[in-house]
Amino acid sequence: MKKPFHFFFHGARKEDIAFSGIVLLLCVALYFIPTGFEDRLPKDTEQVEGRIAAVDNSHMEQHGLVLSGSQGVEVELLEGKWKGRIIRTGNHFLGKMELDRVFEPGDHALMSITSSGGVITWGHTADHYRLWIEFVLLMIFSLFLLFYGGFFGFQAILSFFFTGLVLWKLTIPHMLKGVDPVLLSFVIVCVLSAAILFLVAGLNRKGVVAFMGAVTGLGVTALMTLCFTQPFKISGAVRPFSETLLYSGFTHLNITRIFIAGVVLSASGAVMDLAMDISAAMSEIVRHNPRISRKDLFFSGNIIGRSVIGTMTTTLLLAYSGGYLAMLMLFMGQGIPDANILNMNYVAAEILHTLVGSFGLVLVAPITTVMGTLLYIPRQG
């Protein structure tokens, strides 16, 4: 029994295991922290899985690609206190392909059920039930990381869940409560950078070098976004659901600053990746050649950084433009001139997003190299 555990923890130090335990406890604590917005749902409302038993399409009309009218559905509830009960409800169409869904007998749906006095007073088919398939995909992903990385794979999983919980339990609720999004996002990415990089690299100089380089790059990204958002005349309304957020009772929010916070958050992953790549490479250089001079280590770190920067900036361009691929196809298909496309607020927002994120990447490489040169070789001779 010792061999599997020895293989799993191979290369892990006691302090790294202890730090992982602390992060795991933080994940558990974050999971049980309420966001403060749970009470916005009606009382006695629960979300349960249901199976579509029958459908009535007599009131459903299709005009080209757009649906109108409604679809009658009979749903058998599969969980909760109403398990086994069959209810009839309507699936109303909004005329938007991204929001409308059509059910067929045998489909599973996420149901919102409201009851009062022991009677179901309202039932709504929220959407197709995808929680199980999402869980299965997450398990496959986690098992692959554990099988390939052992304890280091476990640390990667832990950083993944910690990031998600911090965003969902701390970042979003505090933004909704009116905390400045830019300041909050920068503090959050610093905390996440520390947790993720020290989980991945360990509590050592490699983690410190990567952390200092990442925080510097993120700070530059935040400052660049603050400086250029106003000249670009970009409003936070370019982001999906931003206007809907204001109309949902949150008119006090500054959606432009939320846009800036989103730029910082989305760039943080690439910045951490680049900082860790350079720090880990310089660490290996020193480990294999402990007598290397600071000058040689500095030039080696610069060569590594220059090699990685090109692919990382392209990664940002592909990641951001991929989300608006259909929009760009529409513009080209209609023959809109390139100047008009580049001047549109949606496209300009992505240009700003890409360039300021890339600028942070360009700066994080030399900063990490300098930090690595100073920390990996603290004394000459």
Protein backbone atom coordinates (compact mmCIF):
# COMPACT_ATOMS: atom_id res chain seq x y z
CA MET A 1 0.00 0.00 0.00
CA LYS A 2 2.96 2.29 0.48
CA LYS A 3 4.11 2.21 -3.12
CA PRO A 4 1.01 3.88 -4.62
CA PHE A 5 1.14 6.64 -2.00
CA HIS A 6 4.87 7.02 -2.50
CA PHE A 7 4.32 7.38 -6.24
CA PHE A 8 1.51 9.86 -5.67
CA PHE A 9 3.58 12.10 -3.36
CA HIS A 10 6.86 11.61 -5.23
CA GLY A 11 8.77 14.91 -5.33
CA ALA A 12 6.40 16.68 -2.92
CA ARG A 13 7.83 18.39 0.15
CA LYS A 14 6.17 18.49 3.55
CA GLU A 15 5.66 22.25 3.42
CA ASP A 16 3.99 21.96 0.01
CA ILE A 17 1.65 19.27 1.33
CA ALA A 18 0.84 21.47 4.33
CA PHE A 19 0.16 24.49 2.09
CA SER A 20 -2.13 22.37 -0.08
CA GLY A 21 -4.01 21.34 3.04
CA ILE A 22 -4.51 24.99 3.98
CA VAL A 23 -5.85 25.82 0.52
CA LEU A 24 -8.15 22.78 0.71
CA LEU A 25 -9.55 24.03 4.02
CA LEU A 26 -10.07 27.46 2.46
CA CYS A 27 -11.99 25.83 -0.40
CA VAL A 28 -14.27 24.06 2.08
CA ALA A 29 -14.83 27.30 4.00
CA LEU A 30 -15.56 29.25 0.81
CA TYR A 31 -18.05 26.62 -0.32
CA PHE A 32 -20.20 27.20 2.77
CA ILE A 33 -19.94 31.00 2.75
CA PRO A 34 -23.26 32.51 1.57
CA THR A 35 -23.11 35.08 -1.20
CA GLY A 36 -25.89 37.15 0.36
CA PHE A 37 -28.10 36.90 -2.70
CA GLU A 38 -29.68 33.49 -2.09
CA ASP A 39 -32.82 35.08 -0.60
CA ARG A 40 -33.69 36.85 -3.87
CA LEU A 41 -35.52 33.74 -5.05
CA PRO A 42 -39.15 33.31 -3.95
CA LYS A 43 -39.63 31.36 -0.75
CA ASP A 44 -40.40 27.63 -0.97
CA THR A 45 -38.73 27.45 -4.39
CA GLU A 46 -36.45 24.52 -5.23
CA GLN A 47 -34.49 23.44 -8.29
CA VAL A 48 -35.03 19.79 -9.24
CA GLU A 49 -34.41 17.48 -12.17
CA GLY A 50 -37.39 16.45 -14.28
CA ARG A 51 -38.03 14.17 -17.24
CA ILE A 52 -40.19 15.37 -20.13
CA ALA A 53 -43.09 12.90 -20.34
CA ALA A 54 -45.06 14.54 -23.18
CA VAL A 55 -45.07 17.72 -25.27
CA ASP A 56 -47.77 19.72 -27.04
CA ASN A 57 -46.49 21.69 -30.04
CA SER A 58 -49.87 22.92 -31.27
CA HIS A 59 -49.11 26.51 -30.15
CA MET A 60 -45.54 26.54 -31.43
CA GLU A 61 -44.85 28.43 -34.65
CA GLN A 62 -41.64 28.62 -36.63
CA HIS A 63 -40.82 31.59 -38.85
CA GLY A 64 -37.62 30.73 -40.65
CA LEU A 65 -35.09 30.11 -37.87
CA VAL A 66 -37.10 31.88 -35.18
CA LEU A 67 -39.67 30.22 -32.91
CA SER A 68 -42.71 31.95 -31.47
CA GLY A 69 -45.61 30.95 -29.27
CA SER A 70 -45.17 28.29 -26.62
CA GLN A 71 -44.77 24.58 -26.10
CA GLY A 72 -46.83 22.66 -23.58
CA VAL A 73 -44.83 20.11 -21.59
CA GLU A 74 -45.67 17.46 -19.03
CA VAL A 75 -42.78 16.85 -16.65
CA GLU A 76 -42.19 14.01 -14.19
CA LEU A 77 -40.20 15.29 -11.21
CA LEU A 78 -37.27 13.01 -10.41
CA GLU A 79 -36.07 14.40 -7.06
CA GLY A 80 -37.10 16.50 -4.10
CA LYS A 81 -40.22 16.20 -1.98
CA TRP A 82 -42.37 16.14 -5.11
CA LYS A 83 -40.53 13.19 -6.62
CA GLY A 84 -42.82 11.15 -8.90
CA ARG A 85 -45.32 13.99 -9.39
CA ILE A 86 -46.22 14.92 -12.99
CA ILE A 87 -46.90 18.60 -13.63
CA ARG A 88 -47.91 20.49 -16.74
CA THR A 89 -46.24 23.78 -17.61
CA GLY A 90 -45.37 25.94 -20.60
CA ASN A 91 -42.14 26.56 -22.45
CA HIS A 92 -42.49 30.07 -23.88
CA PHE A 93 -40.33 31.21 -26.80
CA LEU A 94 -38.67 34.64 -26.91
CA GLY A 95 -37.75 34.63 -30.59
CA LYS A 96 -34.00 34.41 -29.81
CA MET A 97 -32.10 31.30 -30.82
CA GLU A 98 -29.55 31.70 -28.01
CA LEU A 99 -32.29 31.72 -25.36
CA ASP A 100 -35.04 29.47 -26.75
CA ARG A 101 -34.98 25.69 -26.27
CA VAL A 102 -37.26 22.94 -27.58
CA PHE A 103 -38.02 19.85 -25.49
CA GLU A 104 -38.82 16.37 -26.69
CA PRO A 105 -40.22 13.38 -24.75
CA GLY A 106 -37.42 11.74 -22.79
CA ASP A 107 -35.37 14.92 -22.36
CA HIS A 108 -34.30 15.92 -18.86
CA ALA A 109 -34.95 19.49 -17.71
CA LEU A 110 -33.97 21.65 -14.77
CA MET A 111 -37.23 22.60 -13.07
CA SER A 112 -38.01 25.51 -10.75
CA ILE A 113 -40.82 24.46 -8.42
CA THR A 114 -42.69 26.76 -6.02
CA SER A 115 -45.11 25.31 -3.49
CA SER A 116 -47.43 26.65 -0.83
CA GLY A 117 -49.60 24.79 1.67
CA GLY A 118 -48.55 21.40 0.35
CA VAL A 119 -49.53 22.29 -3.24
CA ILE A 120 -47.34 23.09 -6.24
CA THR A 121 -48.31 26.63 -7.24
CA TRP A 122 -45.81 27.22 -10.04
CA GLY A 123 -43.45 25.20 -12.20
CA HIS A 124 -41.00 26.36 -14.85
CA THR A 125 -38.69 24.50 -17.23
CA ALA A 126 -35.51 26.52 -16.78
CA ASP A 127 -33.43 24.68 -19.39
CA HIS A 128 -32.12 21.29 -20.43
CA TYR A 129 -30.58 19.45 -17.48
CA ARG A 130 -26.80 19.49 -17.98
CA LEU A 131 -25.49 19.11 -14.42
CA TRP A 132 -24.75 15.41 -14.71
CA ILE A 133 -22.82 15.67 -17.95
CA GLU A 134 -20.91 18.65 -16.54
CA PHE A 135 -20.05 16.60 -13.47
CA VAL A 136 -18.89 13.66 -15.59
CA LEU A 137 -16.67 15.91 -17.71
CA LEU A 138 -15.20 17.48 -14.57
CA MET A 139 -14.45 14.02 -13.14
CA ILE A 140 -12.72 12.91 -16.34
CA PHE A 141 -10.63 16.07 -16.28
CA SER A 142 -9.73 15.60 -12.61
CA LEU A 143 -8.87 11.91 -12.97
CA PHE A 144 -6.60 12.64 -15.91
CA LEU A 145 -4.75 15.28 -13.88
CA LEU A 146 -4.40 12.91 -10.93
CA PHE A 147 -3.22 10.03 -13.12
CA TYR A 148 -0.66 12.13 -14.97
CA GLY A 149 0.50 14.53 -12.27
CA GLY A 150 0.00 12.66 -9.01
CA PHE A 151 0.17 15.10 -6.12
CA PHE A 152 1.04 17.95 -8.50
CA GLY A 153 -2.09 17.11 -10.48
CA PHE A 154 -4.04 17.31 -7.23
CA GLN A 155 -2.55 20.75 -6.64
CA ALA A 156 -3.66 21.81 -10.12
CA ILE A 157 -7.21 20.61 -9.36
CA LEU A 158 -7.09 22.42 -6.03
CA SER A 159 -6.04 25.68 -7.68
CA PHE A 160 -8.85 25.25 -10.24
CA PHE A 161 -11.53 24.88 -7.56
CA PHE A 162 -10.03 27.60 -5.36
CA THR A 163 -10.12 30.05 -8.26
CA GLY A 164 -13.73 29.22 -9.09
CA LEU A 165 -14.85 29.55 -5.46
CA VAL A 166 -13.05 32.87 -4.96
CA LEU A 167 -14.66 34.29 -8.08
CA TRP A 168 -18.16 33.02 -7.24
CA LYS A 169 -18.18 33.50 -3.47
CA LEU A 170 -16.11 36.67 -3.05
CA THR A 171 -15.52 38.59 -6.27
CA ILE A 172 -19.00 38.65 -7.83
CA PRO A 173 -20.98 39.23 -4.59
CA HIS A 174 -18.75 42.12 -3.51
CA MET A 175 -18.98 43.71 -6.95
CA LEU A 176 -22.77 43.49 -6.73
CA LYS A 177 -22.60 45.16 -3.32
CA GLY A 178 -20.78 48.15 -4.82
CA VAL A 179 -17.11 47.47 -4.04
CA ASP A 180 -14.88 49.13 -6.65
CA PRO A 181 -14.46 46.44 -9.36
CA VAL A 182 -10.97 47.50 -10.49
CA LEU A 183 -9.41 47.53 -7.02
CA LEU A 184 -11.25 44.35 -6.04
CA SER A 185 -10.20 42.49 -9.18
CA PHE A 186 -6.54 43.45 -8.70
CA VAL A 187 -6.57 42.29 -5.06
CA ILE A 188 -8.31 39.07 -6.08
CA VAL A 189 -5.85 38.24 -8.87
CA CYS A 190 -2.95 38.89 -6.48
CA VAL A 191 -4.44 36.45 -3.97
CA LEU A 192 -5.16 33.91 -6.72
CA SER A 193 -1.66 34.34 -8.15
CA ALA A 194 -0.12 33.63 -4.75
CA ALA A 195 -2.27 30.55 -4.17
CA ILE A 196 -1.94 29.13 -7.68
CA LEU A 197 1.76 29.81 -8.22
CA PHE A 198 2.83 28.56 -4.79
CA LEU A 199 0.66 25.48 -5.24
CA VAL A 200 2.26 24.77 -8.60
CA ALA A 201 5.84 25.80 -7.82
CA GLY A 202 5.94 25.17 -4.09
CA LEU A 203 6.94 27.49 -1.27
CA ASN A 204 10.32 28.30 -2.71
CA ARG A 205 12.19 30.87 -4.78
CA LYS A 206 10.65 29.59 -7.99
CA GLY A 207 7.21 30.49 -6.67
CA VAL A 208 8.40 33.87 -5.36
CA VAL A 209 9.97 34.82 -8.70
CA ALA A 210 6.85 33.82 -10.63
CA PHE A 211 4.58 35.64 -8.18
CA MET A 212 6.52 38.91 -8.31
CA GLY A 213 6.65 38.84 -12.10
CA ALA A 214 2.93 38.04 -12.39
CA VAL A 215 1.81 40.77 -9.97
CA THR A 216 3.93 43.34 -11.83
CA GLY A 217 2.43 42.34 -15.17
CA LEU A 218 -1.11 42.45 -13.78
CA GLY A 219 -0.51 45.88 -12.27
CA VAL A 220 0.63 47.20 -15.65
CA THR A 221 -2.40 45.62 -17.33
CA ALA A 222 -4.75 47.35 -14.88
CA LEU A 223 -3.04 50.74 -15.33
CA MET A 224 -3.01 50.46 -19.11
CA THR A 225 -6.71 49.58 -19.18
CA LEU A 226 -7.55 52.52 -16.92
CA CYS A 227 -5.56 54.88 -19.13
CA PHE A 228 -6.91 53.78 -22.51
CA THR A 229 -10.57 52.96 -21.80
CA GLN A 230 -11.53 56.63 -21.81
CA PRO A 231 -9.69 57.53 -25.08
CA PHE A 232 -11.26 54.46 -26.69
CA LYS A 233 -14.71 55.74 -25.58
CA ILE A 234 -15.60 52.20 -24.48
CA SER A 235 -18.65 51.67 -22.29
CA GLY A 236 -19.10 48.55 -20.21
CA ALA A 237 -22.38 48.00 -22.05
CA VAL A 238 -20.43 46.25 -24.84
CA ARG A 239 -20.32 43.14 -22.64
CA PRO A 240 -23.30 40.73 -22.80
CA PHE A 241 -25.88 41.14 -20.02
CA SER A 242 -24.28 44.38 -18.72
CA GLU A 243 -27.36 46.44 -19.55
CA THR A 244 -29.62 43.70 -18.20
CA LEU A 245 -27.63 43.84 -14.95
CA LEU A 246 -28.47 47.53 -14.54
CA TYR A 247 -32.15 46.92 -15.21
CA SER A 248 -32.22 44.13 -12.60
CA GLY A 249 -32.00 46.53 -9.69
CA PHE A 250 -28.28 47.34 -9.78
CA THR A 251 -28.30 50.82 -11.31
CA HIS A 252 -25.64 51.91 -8.81
CA LEU A 253 -22.99 49.80 -10.55
CA ASN A 254 -20.38 51.29 -12.89
CA ILE A 255 -20.37 48.84 -15.78
CA THR A 256 -17.34 50.50 -17.39
CA ARG A 257 -15.21 49.75 -14.35
CA ILE A 258 -16.64 46.23 -14.38
CA PHE A 259 -15.38 45.99 -17.96
CA ILE A 260 -11.90 47.07 -16.81
CA ALA A 261 -12.00 44.50 -14.01
CA GLY A 262 -12.89 41.84 -16.56
CA VAL A 263 -9.84 42.74 -18.64
CA VAL A 264 -7.58 42.32 -15.60
CA LEU A 265 -9.17 39.01 -14.61
CA SER A 266 -9.05 37.53 -18.09
CA ALA A 267 -5.40 38.53 -18.62
CA SER A 268 -4.27 37.10 -15.28
CA GLY A 269 -4.14 33.50 -16.47
CA ALA A 270 -1.78 34.19 -19.35
CA VAL A 271 0.38 36.45 -17.18
CA MET A 272 0.74 33.76 -14.49
CA ASP A 273 1.49 31.18 -17.16
CA LEU A 274 4.31 33.24 -18.67
CA ALA A 275 5.79 34.15 -15.27
CA MET A 276 5.82 30.50 -14.22
CA ASP A 277 7.34 29.36 -17.53
CA ILE A 278 10.28 31.75 -17.20
CA SER A 279 10.76 31.14 -13.47
CA ALA A 280 10.69 27.35 -13.85
CA ALA A 281 13.11 27.45 -16.80
CA MET A 282 15.59 29.66 -14.92
CA SER A 283 15.30 27.42 -11.88
CA GLU A 284 16.23 24.40 -13.97
CA ILE A 285 19.19 26.27 -15.50
CA VAL A 286 20.56 27.04 -12.03
CA ARG A 287 19.89 23.51 -10.80
CA HIS A 288 21.88 21.96 -13.66
CA ASN A 289 24.60 24.64 -13.61
CA PRO A 290 24.94 26.03 -10.07
CA ARG A 291 28.10 27.95 -11.05
CA ILE A 292 26.38 29.99 -13.75
CA SER A 293 26.98 33.73 -13.49
CA ARG A 294 24.23 36.30 -13.10
CA LYS A 295 25.03 37.71 -16.51
CA ASP A 296 24.64 34.34 -18.26
CA LEU A 297 21.47 33.55 -16.30
CA PHE A 298 20.00 36.94 -17.21
CA PHE A 299 20.65 36.45 -20.92
CA SER A 300 19.29 32.89 -20.78
CA GLY A 301 16.12 34.15 -19.10
CA ASN A 302 15.69 36.82 -21.78
CA ILE A 303 16.05 34.24 -24.55
CA ILE A 304 13.39 32.08 -22.88
CA GLY A 305 11.08 35.08 -22.43
CA ARG A 306 11.41 36.19 -26.04
CA SER A 307 10.57 32.68 -27.23
CA VAL A 308 7.43 32.46 -25.12
CA ILE A 309 6.09 36.00 -25.61
CA GLY A 310 5.27 35.47 -29.29
CA THR A 311 3.02 32.48 -28.69
CA MET A 312 1.39 33.94 -25.57
CA THR A 313 0.33 37.18 -27.25
CA THR A 314 -1.07 35.18 -30.15
CA THR A 315 -2.91 33.03 -27.61
CA LEU A 316 -4.66 36.13 -26.26
CA LEU A 317 -5.63 37.24 -29.76
CA LEU A 318 -7.10 33.84 -30.61
CA ALA A 319 -8.88 33.50 -27.27
CA TYR A 320 -10.55 36.92 -27.39
CA SER A 321 -11.41 36.94 -31.11
CA GLY A 322 -12.79 33.39 -30.93
CA GLY A 323 -15.64 34.61 -28.75
CA TYR A 324 -16.73 37.06 -31.46
CA LEU A 325 -16.14 34.84 -34.47
CA ALA A 326 -19.78 34.87 -35.61
CA MET A 327 -19.91 38.67 -35.32
CA LEU A 328 -16.80 39.08 -37.47
CA MET A 329 -18.22 36.65 -40.05
CA LEU A 330 -21.41 38.72 -40.14
CA PHE A 331 -19.52 41.96 -40.75
CA MET A 332 -17.42 40.46 -43.53
CA GLY A 333 -20.43 38.74 -45.09
CA GLN A 334 -22.22 42.08 -45.31
CA GLY A 335 -19.22 43.71 -46.98
CA ILE A 336 -18.64 46.24 -44.19
CA PRO A 337 -15.32 48.08 -44.75
CA ASP A 338 -12.42 47.16 -42.50
CA ALA A 339 -12.23 50.69 -41.10
CA ASN A 340 -15.86 50.49 -39.98
CA ILE A 341 -15.28 47.07 -38.38
CA LEU A 342 -12.20 48.20 -36.45
CA ASN A 343 -14.06 51.33 -35.30
CA MET A 344 -17.10 49.48 -33.89
CA ASN A 345 -17.28 49.53 -30.11
CA TYR A 346 -17.47 45.72 -29.80
CA VAL A 347 -14.36 45.24 -31.92
CA ALA A 348 -12.53 48.18 -30.34
CA ALA A 349 -13.22 46.69 -26.91
CA GLU A 350 -11.56 43.43 -27.96
CA ILE A 351 -8.62 45.33 -29.48
CA LEU A 352 -8.16 47.17 -26.19
CA HIS A 353 -8.55 43.88 -24.33
CA THR A 354 -5.94 42.12 -26.45
CA LEU A 355 -3.34 44.89 -26.61
CA VAL A 356 -3.29 45.84 -22.93
CA GLY A 357 -3.17 42.16 -21.98
CA SER A 358 -0.30 41.62 -24.41
CA PHE A 359 1.51 44.66 -23.03
CA GLY A 360 1.34 43.12 -19.57
CA LEU A 361 2.79 39.91 -21.00
CA VAL A 362 5.61 41.77 -22.72
CA LEU A 363 6.58 43.44 -19.45
CA VAL A 364 6.23 40.40 -17.21
CA ALA A 365 8.97 38.56 -19.12
CA PRO A 366 11.89 40.96 -18.35
CA ILE A 367 10.60 41.60 -14.82
CA THR A 368 10.52 37.86 -14.06
CA THR A 369 13.96 37.47 -15.61
CA VAL A 370 15.40 40.22 -13.40
CA MET A 371 13.75 38.76 -10.27
CA GLY A 372 15.06 35.30 -11.13
CA THR A 373 18.57 36.63 -11.71
CA LEU A 374 18.59 38.31 -8.30
CA LEU A 375 16.96 35.54 -6.28
CA TYR A 376 18.37 32.39 -7.86
CA ILE A 377 21.95 33.66 -7.51
CA PRO A 378 21.93 35.77 -4.31
CA ARG A 379 25.73 35.95 -4.03
CA GLN A 380 28.55 35.95 -6.54
CA GLY A 381 31.35 33.39 -6.42
